Amino acid sequence: MLLDDLKWRYATKNYQEGKKVPQEDIDKIIEAIRLAPTSSGLQPFRIIIIDDLETKQKLAEGALNQKGIVACSHIIAFAAWDNYTPERIDEMYNFITDERGLPRGRYARYTDMLKERFAEREPVRNFEHAARQAYIALGMALAQAAELKIDS
């Protein structure tokens, strides 16, 4: 049950160095991120999976040498879009229609409205909006990790 999983979860400070989370579980967490309920269904972020020691060591240097960064199995980094562009909106809705077996252009009126709305706003405001959507996906990732009993 979700509530039990969330009660189990805590902010992990120490990881078992060398212990790897199975790829199957990482894939489930990625799928939870992909299915996160973001505004307008745009998923306005990219995720970067980091599991190699060299990259984790470089990240740790820029993060006050926190030992958990190097010791953990994987890092899932979220990179929010810097702005909403017509190309990004089209890319996401082409993916959605292809995945659902619908004809391209099925959501043309809706995507045109989104393009207008986001074009009216300052890029920094759009970035802030995208960052908030990434937080929603982070929450889904943490919930999925808790269900799998993976420290996070």
N, C-alpha and C. Protein backbone atom coordinates (compact mmCIF):
# COMPACT_ATOMS: atom_id res chain seq x y z
N MET A 1 0.84 -1.18 0.00
CA MET A 1 0.00 0.00 0.00
C MET A 1 0.89 1.25 0.00
N LEU A 2 0.52 2.23 -0.78
CA LEU A 2 1.33 3.43 -0.95
C LEU A 2 1.67 4.11 0.37
N LEU A 3 0.71 4.26 1.25
CA LEU A 3 0.98 4.94 2.52
C LEU A 3 2.02 4.20 3.34
N ASP A 4 1.95 2.88 3.35
CA ASP A 4 2.96 2.09 4.07
C ASP A 4 4.34 2.29 3.46
N ASP A 5 4.40 2.33 2.13
CA ASP A 5 5.68 2.55 1.45
C ASP A 5 6.24 3.93 1.79
N LEU A 6 5.38 4.93 1.82
CA LEU A 6 5.84 6.29 2.13
C LEU A 6 6.28 6.40 3.60
N LYS A 7 5.62 5.67 4.48
CA LYS A 7 6.05 5.65 5.89
C LYS A 7 7.40 4.97 6.04
N TRP A 8 7.68 4.00 5.18
CA TRP A 8 8.97 3.29 5.21
C TRP A 8 10.11 4.21 4.76
N ARG A 9 9.82 5.08 3.80
CA ARG A 9 10.83 5.92 3.17
C ARG A 9 11.41 6.95 4.15
N TYR A 10 12.68 7.21 4.00
CA TYR A 10 13.36 8.23 4.79
C TYR A 10 14.48 8.82 3.94
N ALA A 11 15.02 9.94 4.37
CA ALA A 11 16.13 10.57 3.64
C ALA A 11 17.42 9.85 4.01
N THR A 12 17.89 9.02 3.13
CA THR A 12 19.07 8.20 3.39
C THR A 12 20.33 9.06 3.43
N LYS A 13 21.13 8.85 4.43
CA LYS A 13 22.39 9.59 4.57
C LYS A 13 23.58 8.70 4.22
N ASN A 14 23.46 7.40 4.46
CA ASN A 14 24.56 6.47 4.21
C ASN A 14 24.08 5.33 3.32
N TYR A 15 24.84 5.08 2.27
CA TYR A 15 24.53 3.99 1.35
C TYR A 15 25.59 2.91 1.49
N GLN A 16 25.22 1.69 1.12
CA GLN A 16 26.17 0.58 1.13
C GLN A 16 27.00 0.68 -0.14
N GLU A 17 28.23 1.13 0.02
CA GLU A 17 29.10 1.31 -1.15
C GLU A 17 29.25 -0.01 -1.90
N GLY A 18 29.14 0.07 -3.21
CA GLY A 18 29.30 -1.11 -4.05
C GLY A 18 28.02 -1.88 -4.29
N LYS A 19 26.99 -1.63 -3.49
CA LYS A 19 25.71 -2.32 -3.70
C LYS A 19 24.96 -1.62 -4.83
N LYS A 20 24.60 -2.38 -5.85
CA LYS A 20 23.93 -1.82 -7.03
C LYS A 20 22.45 -2.15 -7.02
N VAL A 21 21.64 -1.18 -7.36
CA VAL A 21 20.21 -1.40 -7.56
C VAL A 21 20.06 -2.10 -8.90
N PRO A 22 19.30 -3.19 -8.96
CA PRO A 22 19.13 -3.91 -10.23
C PRO A 22 18.53 -3.01 -11.32
N GLN A 23 18.98 -3.20 -12.55
CA GLN A 23 18.50 -2.40 -13.67
C GLN A 23 16.98 -2.49 -13.81
N GLU A 24 16.42 -3.64 -13.52
CA GLU A 24 14.96 -3.81 -13.60
C GLU A 24 14.25 -2.82 -12.68
N ASP A 25 14.80 -2.59 -11.50
CA ASP A 25 14.20 -1.63 -10.57
C ASP A 25 14.41 -0.19 -11.04
N ILE A 26 15.58 0.10 -11.58
CA ILE A 26 15.83 1.43 -12.14
C ILE A 26 14.83 1.70 -13.26
N ASP A 27 14.58 0.70 -14.09
CA ASP A 27 13.61 0.85 -15.19
C ASP A 27 12.21 1.15 -14.66
N LYS A 28 11.83 0.55 -13.54
CA LYS A 28 10.52 0.83 -12.95
C LYS A 28 10.45 2.27 -12.44
N ILE A 29 11.52 2.75 -11.86
CA ILE A 29 11.55 4.13 -11.39
C ILE A 29 11.46 5.09 -12.58
N ILE A 30 12.19 4.79 -13.64
CA ILE A 30 12.13 5.62 -14.85
C ILE A 30 10.71 5.63 -15.42
N GLU A 31 10.05 4.49 -15.41
CA GLU A 31 8.68 4.43 -15.92
C GLU A 31 7.73 5.26 -15.05
N ALA A 32 7.93 5.24 -13.74
CA ALA A 32 7.11 6.07 -12.85
C ALA A 32 7.32 7.56 -13.17
N ILE A 33 8.55 7.93 -13.46
CA ILE A 33 8.85 9.32 -13.85
C ILE A 33 8.13 9.65 -15.14
N ARG A 34 8.21 8.74 -16.10
CA ARG A 34 7.58 8.97 -17.41
C ARG A 34 6.07 9.15 -17.28
N LEU A 35 5.47 8.46 -16.34
CA LEU A 35 4.01 8.51 -16.17
C LEU A 35 3.56 9.60 -15.19
N ALA A 36 4.48 10.40 -14.70
CA ALA A 36 4.13 11.46 -13.74
C ALA A 36 3.10 12.42 -14.35
N PRO A 37 2.15 12.85 -13.52
CA PRO A 37 1.09 13.75 -14.00
C PRO A 37 1.55 15.20 -14.07
N THR A 38 2.21 15.56 -15.15
CA THR A 38 2.69 16.93 -15.29
C THR A 38 1.70 17.80 -16.06
N SER A 39 1.84 19.09 -15.89
CA SER A 39 0.95 20.06 -16.53
C SER A 39 0.96 19.89 -18.05
N SER A 40 -0.19 19.79 -18.62
CA SER A 40 -0.39 19.67 -20.07
C SER A 40 0.23 18.40 -20.66
N GLY A 41 0.68 17.49 -19.81
CA GLY A 41 1.26 16.24 -20.28
C GLY A 41 2.58 16.40 -20.99
N LEU A 42 3.28 17.49 -20.75
CA LEU A 42 4.48 17.80 -21.53
C LEU A 42 5.77 17.18 -21.00
N GLN A 43 5.80 16.75 -19.73
CA GLN A 43 7.03 16.21 -19.16
C GLN A 43 8.21 17.12 -19.53
N PRO A 44 8.20 18.38 -19.10
CA PRO A 44 9.19 19.36 -19.57
C PRO A 44 10.55 19.25 -18.87
N PHE A 45 11.13 18.09 -18.97
CA PHE A 45 12.44 17.85 -18.36
C PHE A 45 13.05 16.62 -19.01
N ARG A 46 14.31 16.47 -18.78
CA ARG A 46 15.04 15.26 -19.17
C ARG A 46 15.59 14.67 -17.88
N ILE A 47 15.78 13.36 -17.89
CA ILE A 47 16.45 12.75 -16.76
C ILE A 47 17.78 12.19 -17.24
N ILE A 48 18.73 12.23 -16.35
CA ILE A 48 20.06 11.71 -16.64
C ILE A 48 20.38 10.70 -15.55
N ILE A 49 20.66 9.48 -15.95
CA ILE A 49 20.98 8.41 -15.01
C ILE A 49 22.50 8.32 -14.91
N ILE A 50 23.00 8.46 -13.71
CA ILE A 50 24.45 8.43 -13.49
C ILE A 50 24.76 7.26 -12.57
N ASP A 51 25.58 6.34 -13.07
CA ASP A 51 25.94 5.20 -12.24
C ASP A 51 27.44 4.88 -12.27
N ASP A 52 28.20 5.69 -13.00
CA ASP A 52 29.64 5.41 -13.04
C ASP A 52 30.37 6.22 -11.97
N LEU A 53 31.36 5.60 -11.38
CA LEU A 53 32.08 6.18 -10.26
C LEU A 53 32.75 7.50 -10.61
N GLU A 54 33.36 7.59 -11.77
CA GLU A 54 34.09 8.80 -12.16
C GLU A 54 33.16 10.02 -12.19
N THR A 55 31.99 9.87 -12.80
CA THR A 55 31.04 10.99 -12.87
C THR A 55 30.52 11.34 -11.48
N LYS A 56 30.23 10.32 -10.67
CA LYS A 56 29.76 10.59 -9.31
C LYS A 56 30.82 11.32 -8.50
N GLN A 57 32.09 10.98 -8.68
CA GLN A 57 33.17 11.68 -7.97
C GLN A 57 33.23 13.15 -8.39
N LYS A 58 33.07 13.41 -9.68
CA LYS A 58 33.07 14.80 -10.16
C LYS A 58 31.89 15.58 -9.58
N LEU A 59 30.73 14.94 -9.53
CA LEU A 59 29.57 15.60 -8.95
C LEU A 59 29.79 15.89 -7.47
N ALA A 60 30.39 14.95 -6.77
CA ALA A 60 30.64 15.12 -5.34
C ALA A 60 31.53 16.33 -5.08
N GLU A 61 32.52 16.54 -5.94
CA GLU A 61 33.41 17.70 -5.78
C GLU A 61 32.63 19.01 -5.79
N GLY A 62 31.60 19.08 -6.61
CA GLY A 62 30.79 20.29 -6.68
C GLY A 62 29.67 20.34 -5.67
N ALA A 63 29.59 19.31 -4.82
CA ALA A 63 28.52 19.23 -3.83
C ALA A 63 29.09 19.00 -2.43
N LEU A 64 30.12 19.77 -2.11
CA LEU A 64 30.74 19.72 -0.77
C LEU A 64 31.23 18.33 -0.38
N ASN A 65 31.58 17.52 -1.37
CA ASN A 65 32.12 16.18 -1.15
C ASN A 65 31.22 15.30 -0.27
N GLN A 66 29.93 15.40 -0.49
CA GLN A 66 29.01 14.54 0.24
C GLN A 66 29.28 13.09 -0.14
N LYS A 67 29.53 12.24 0.86
CA LYS A 67 29.93 10.87 0.57
C LYS A 67 28.80 10.05 -0.06
N GLY A 68 27.57 10.40 0.19
CA GLY A 68 26.46 9.65 -0.38
C GLY A 68 26.42 9.71 -1.90
N ILE A 69 26.93 10.78 -2.46
CA ILE A 69 26.92 10.93 -3.92
C ILE A 69 27.78 9.86 -4.57
N VAL A 70 28.91 9.56 -3.97
CA VAL A 70 29.81 8.55 -4.52
C VAL A 70 29.35 7.15 -4.14
N ALA A 71 28.84 6.99 -2.92
CA ALA A 71 28.50 5.66 -2.42
C ALA A 71 27.20 5.10 -3.00
N CYS A 72 26.29 5.95 -3.42
CA CYS A 72 24.99 5.45 -3.89
C CYS A 72 25.14 4.67 -5.20
N SER A 73 24.15 3.86 -5.47
CA SER A 73 24.15 3.04 -6.68
C SER A 73 23.96 3.89 -7.93
N HIS A 74 22.95 4.72 -7.93
CA HIS A 74 22.59 5.54 -9.09
C HIS A 74 22.19 6.94 -8.62
N ILE A 75 22.40 7.90 -9.48
CA ILE A 75 21.86 9.25 -9.30
C ILE A 75 20.92 9.49 -10.47
N ILE A 76 19.73 9.98 -10.16
CA ILE A 76 18.80 10.38 -11.21
C ILE A 76 18.73 11.90 -11.15
N ALA A 77 19.30 12.54 -12.16
CA ALA A 77 19.31 14.00 -12.22
C ALA A 77 18.19 14.47 -13.14
N PHE A 78 17.49 15.50 -12.71
CA PHE A 78 16.42 16.09 -13.50
C PHE A 78 16.92 17.41 -14.09
N ALA A 79 16.73 17.59 -15.38
CA ALA A 79 17.10 18.83 -16.06
C ALA A 79 15.83 19.42 -16.68
N ALA A 80 15.30 20.45 -16.02
CA ALA A 80 14.08 21.09 -16.52
C ALA A 80 14.38 21.85 -17.80
N TRP A 81 13.40 21.87 -18.69
CA TRP A 81 13.54 22.65 -19.92
C TRP A 81 13.84 24.10 -19.55
N ASP A 82 14.69 24.73 -20.34
CA ASP A 82 14.97 26.15 -20.12
C ASP A 82 13.85 27.03 -20.65
N ASN A 83 13.03 26.47 -21.54
CA ASN A 83 11.89 27.21 -22.09
C ASN A 83 10.99 26.21 -22.82
N TYR A 84 9.76 26.59 -23.03
CA TYR A 84 8.85 25.78 -23.85
C TYR A 84 8.94 26.32 -25.27
N THR A 85 9.23 25.46 -26.22
CA THR A 85 9.31 25.87 -27.61
C THR A 85 8.29 25.09 -28.42
N PRO A 86 7.87 25.63 -29.57
CA PRO A 86 6.95 24.87 -30.42
C PRO A 86 7.51 23.49 -30.78
N GLU A 87 8.82 23.41 -31.00
CA GLU A 87 9.43 22.13 -31.36
C GLU A 87 9.33 21.11 -30.22
N ARG A 88 9.56 21.55 -29.00
CA ARG A 88 9.46 20.64 -27.85
C ARG A 88 8.02 20.19 -27.64
N ILE A 89 7.09 21.11 -27.77
CA ILE A 89 5.67 20.75 -27.61
C ILE A 89 5.27 19.75 -28.68
N ASP A 90 5.66 20.01 -29.93
CA ASP A 90 5.35 19.06 -31.01
C ASP A 90 6.00 17.70 -30.77
N GLU A 91 7.25 17.71 -30.33
CA GLU A 91 7.96 16.45 -30.07
C GLU A 91 7.20 15.60 -29.05
N MET A 92 6.76 16.24 -27.96
CA MET A 92 6.06 15.48 -26.92
C MET A 92 4.71 14.97 -27.42
N TYR A 93 3.97 15.81 -28.13
CA TYR A 93 2.66 15.35 -28.59
C TYR A 93 2.76 14.37 -29.74
N ASN A 94 3.80 14.43 -30.54
CA ASN A 94 4.03 13.39 -31.54
C ASN A 94 4.32 12.06 -30.85
N PHE A 95 5.11 12.11 -29.79
CA PHE A 95 5.39 10.90 -29.02
C PHE A 95 4.11 10.32 -28.43
N ILE A 96 3.29 11.18 -27.84
CA ILE A 96 2.04 10.73 -27.21
C ILE A 96 1.12 10.09 -28.24
N THR A 97 0.93 10.76 -29.38
CA THR A 97 0.02 10.20 -30.38
C THR A 97 0.58 8.91 -30.97
N ASP A 98 1.88 8.85 -31.20
CA ASP A 98 2.48 7.61 -31.72
C ASP A 98 2.32 6.47 -30.72
N GLU A 99 2.56 6.77 -29.45
CA GLU A 99 2.46 5.74 -28.41
C GLU A 99 1.03 5.21 -28.29
N ARG A 100 0.07 6.08 -28.48
CA ARG A 100 -1.34 5.68 -28.35
C ARG A 100 -1.95 5.21 -29.67
N GLY A 101 -1.15 5.22 -30.73
CA GLY A 101 -1.66 4.77 -32.03
C GLY A 101 -2.67 5.73 -32.65
N LEU A 102 -2.54 7.00 -32.33
CA LEU A 102 -3.46 8.01 -32.86
C LEU A 102 -2.78 8.74 -34.02
N PRO A 103 -3.57 9.36 -34.88
CA PRO A 103 -2.96 10.11 -35.99
C PRO A 103 -2.25 11.37 -35.48
N ARG A 104 -1.12 11.68 -36.10
CA ARG A 104 -0.42 12.92 -35.76
C ARG A 104 -1.35 14.09 -36.06
N GLY A 105 -1.28 15.10 -35.24
CA GLY A 105 -2.16 16.25 -35.42
C GLY A 105 -3.46 16.11 -34.65
N ARG A 106 -3.66 15.00 -34.01
CA ARG A 106 -4.89 14.74 -33.26
C ARG A 106 -5.14 15.83 -32.21
N TYR A 107 -4.06 16.34 -31.65
CA TYR A 107 -4.18 17.36 -30.61
C TYR A 107 -3.75 18.74 -31.11
N ALA A 108 -3.85 18.99 -32.40
CA ALA A 108 -3.32 20.23 -32.99
C ALA A 108 -3.90 21.49 -32.35
N ARG A 109 -5.20 21.52 -32.13
CA ARG A 109 -5.78 22.74 -31.53
C ARG A 109 -5.23 22.96 -30.12
N TYR A 110 -5.11 21.88 -29.39
CA TYR A 110 -4.58 21.98 -28.02
C TYR A 110 -3.12 22.42 -28.03
N THR A 111 -2.31 21.80 -28.88
CA THR A 111 -0.88 22.17 -28.92
C THR A 111 -0.70 23.60 -29.44
N ASP A 112 -1.54 24.04 -30.36
CA ASP A 112 -1.47 25.44 -30.82
C ASP A 112 -1.74 26.39 -29.66
N MET A 113 -2.73 26.05 -28.83
CA MET A 113 -3.05 26.88 -27.67
C MET A 113 -1.86 26.90 -26.69
N LEU A 114 -1.23 25.73 -26.47
CA LEU A 114 -0.07 25.69 -25.58
C LEU A 114 1.07 26.55 -26.11
N LYS A 115 1.32 26.45 -27.40
CA LYS A 115 2.40 27.23 -28.01
C LYS A 115 2.16 28.72 -27.82
N GLU A 116 0.93 29.16 -27.99
CA GLU A 116 0.59 30.58 -27.79
C GLU A 116 0.79 30.98 -26.33
N ARG A 117 0.27 30.16 -25.44
CA ARG A 117 0.33 30.49 -24.01
C ARG A 117 1.77 30.59 -23.52
N PHE A 118 2.60 29.61 -23.88
CA PHE A 118 3.98 29.64 -23.39
C PHE A 118 4.80 30.72 -24.08
N ALA A 119 4.49 31.05 -25.33
CA ALA A 119 5.22 32.10 -26.05
C ALA A 119 5.00 33.47 -25.42
N GLU A 120 3.85 33.66 -24.78
CA GLU A 120 3.52 34.95 -24.16
C GLU A 120 4.33 35.22 -22.90
N ARG A 121 4.88 34.18 -22.31
CA ARG A 121 5.56 34.33 -21.02
C ARG A 121 7.07 34.45 -21.21
N GLU A 122 7.70 35.08 -20.23
CA GLU A 122 9.16 35.19 -20.23
C GLU A 122 9.77 33.80 -20.09
N PRO A 123 10.89 33.54 -20.76
CA PRO A 123 11.54 32.23 -20.66
C PRO A 123 11.83 31.81 -19.22
N VAL A 124 12.22 32.74 -18.35
CA VAL A 124 12.52 32.37 -16.97
C VAL A 124 11.26 31.85 -16.26
N ARG A 125 10.13 32.43 -16.58
CA ARG A 125 8.87 31.96 -15.98
C ARG A 125 8.55 30.55 -16.48
N ASN A 126 8.80 30.30 -17.75
CA ASN A 126 8.58 28.96 -18.30
C ASN A 126 9.54 27.95 -17.68
N PHE A 127 10.80 28.36 -17.46
CA PHE A 127 11.75 27.47 -16.80
C PHE A 127 11.28 27.13 -15.39
N GLU A 128 10.83 28.13 -14.65
CA GLU A 128 10.34 27.89 -13.29
C GLU A 128 9.16 26.92 -13.30
N HIS A 129 8.29 27.07 -14.28
CA HIS A 129 7.15 26.17 -14.42
C HIS A 129 7.65 24.75 -14.70
N ALA A 130 8.61 24.62 -15.61
CA ALA A 130 9.15 23.30 -15.95
C ALA A 130 9.82 22.66 -14.73
N ALA A 131 10.52 23.46 -13.94
CA ALA A 131 11.18 22.93 -12.74
C ALA A 131 10.15 22.38 -11.75
N ARG A 132 9.02 23.05 -11.62
CA ARG A 132 7.96 22.55 -10.73
C ARG A 132 7.40 21.22 -11.24
N GLN A 133 7.34 21.07 -12.55
CA GLN A 133 6.86 19.80 -13.11
C GLN A 133 7.87 18.68 -12.84
N ALA A 134 9.15 19.02 -12.87
CA ALA A 134 10.19 18.03 -12.56
C ALA A 134 10.06 17.57 -11.11
N TYR A 135 9.66 18.47 -10.21
CA TYR A 135 9.45 18.09 -8.81
C TYR A 135 8.33 17.07 -8.68
N ILE A 136 7.30 17.21 -9.48
CA ILE A 136 6.21 16.23 -9.46
C ILE A 136 6.77 14.86 -9.84
N ALA A 137 7.56 14.82 -10.89
CA ALA A 137 8.15 13.56 -11.35
C ALA A 137 9.11 12.99 -10.31
N LEU A 138 9.85 13.86 -9.63
CA LEU A 138 10.73 13.41 -8.56
C LEU A 138 9.92 12.71 -7.47
N GLY A 139 8.78 13.28 -7.13
CA GLY A 139 7.91 12.65 -6.13
C GLY A 139 7.47 11.26 -6.55
N MET A 140 7.14 11.11 -7.82
CA MET A 140 6.75 9.79 -8.33
C MET A 140 7.92 8.82 -8.26
N ALA A 141 9.12 9.31 -8.57
CA ALA A 141 10.32 8.46 -8.49
C ALA A 141 10.57 8.00 -7.06
N LEU A 142 10.43 8.92 -6.11
CA LEU A 142 10.64 8.57 -4.71
C LEU A 142 9.60 7.58 -4.21
N ALA A 143 8.35 7.75 -4.64
CA ALA A 143 7.30 6.81 -4.25
C ALA A 143 7.57 5.43 -4.83
N GLN A 144 8.00 5.37 -6.09
CA GLN A 144 8.31 4.08 -6.71
C GLN A 144 9.50 3.43 -6.01
N ALA A 145 10.52 4.20 -5.70
CA ALA A 145 11.68 3.66 -4.99
C ALA A 145 11.25 3.10 -3.63
N ALA A 146 10.37 3.81 -2.94
CA ALA A 146 9.89 3.33 -1.64
C ALA A 146 9.13 2.01 -1.80
N GLU A 147 8.31 1.91 -2.83
CA GLU A 147 7.58 0.65 -3.04
C GLU A 147 8.55 -0.51 -3.26
N LEU A 148 9.66 -0.23 -3.93
CA LEU A 148 10.66 -1.26 -4.22
C LEU A 148 11.63 -1.45 -3.05
N LYS A 149 11.44 -0.69 -1.98
CA LYS A 149 12.32 -0.72 -0.79
C LYS A 149 13.76 -0.37 -1.16
N ILE A 150 13.87 0.68 -1.97
CA ILE A 150 15.17 1.21 -2.36
C ILE A 150 15.38 2.52 -1.61
N ASP A 151 16.47 2.62 -0.89
CA ASP A 151 16.78 3.84 -0.16
C ASP A 151 16.94 5.01 -1.12
N SER A 152 16.47 6.17 -0.69
CA SER A 152 16.60 7.37 -1.53
C SER A 152 16.83 8.58 -0.65
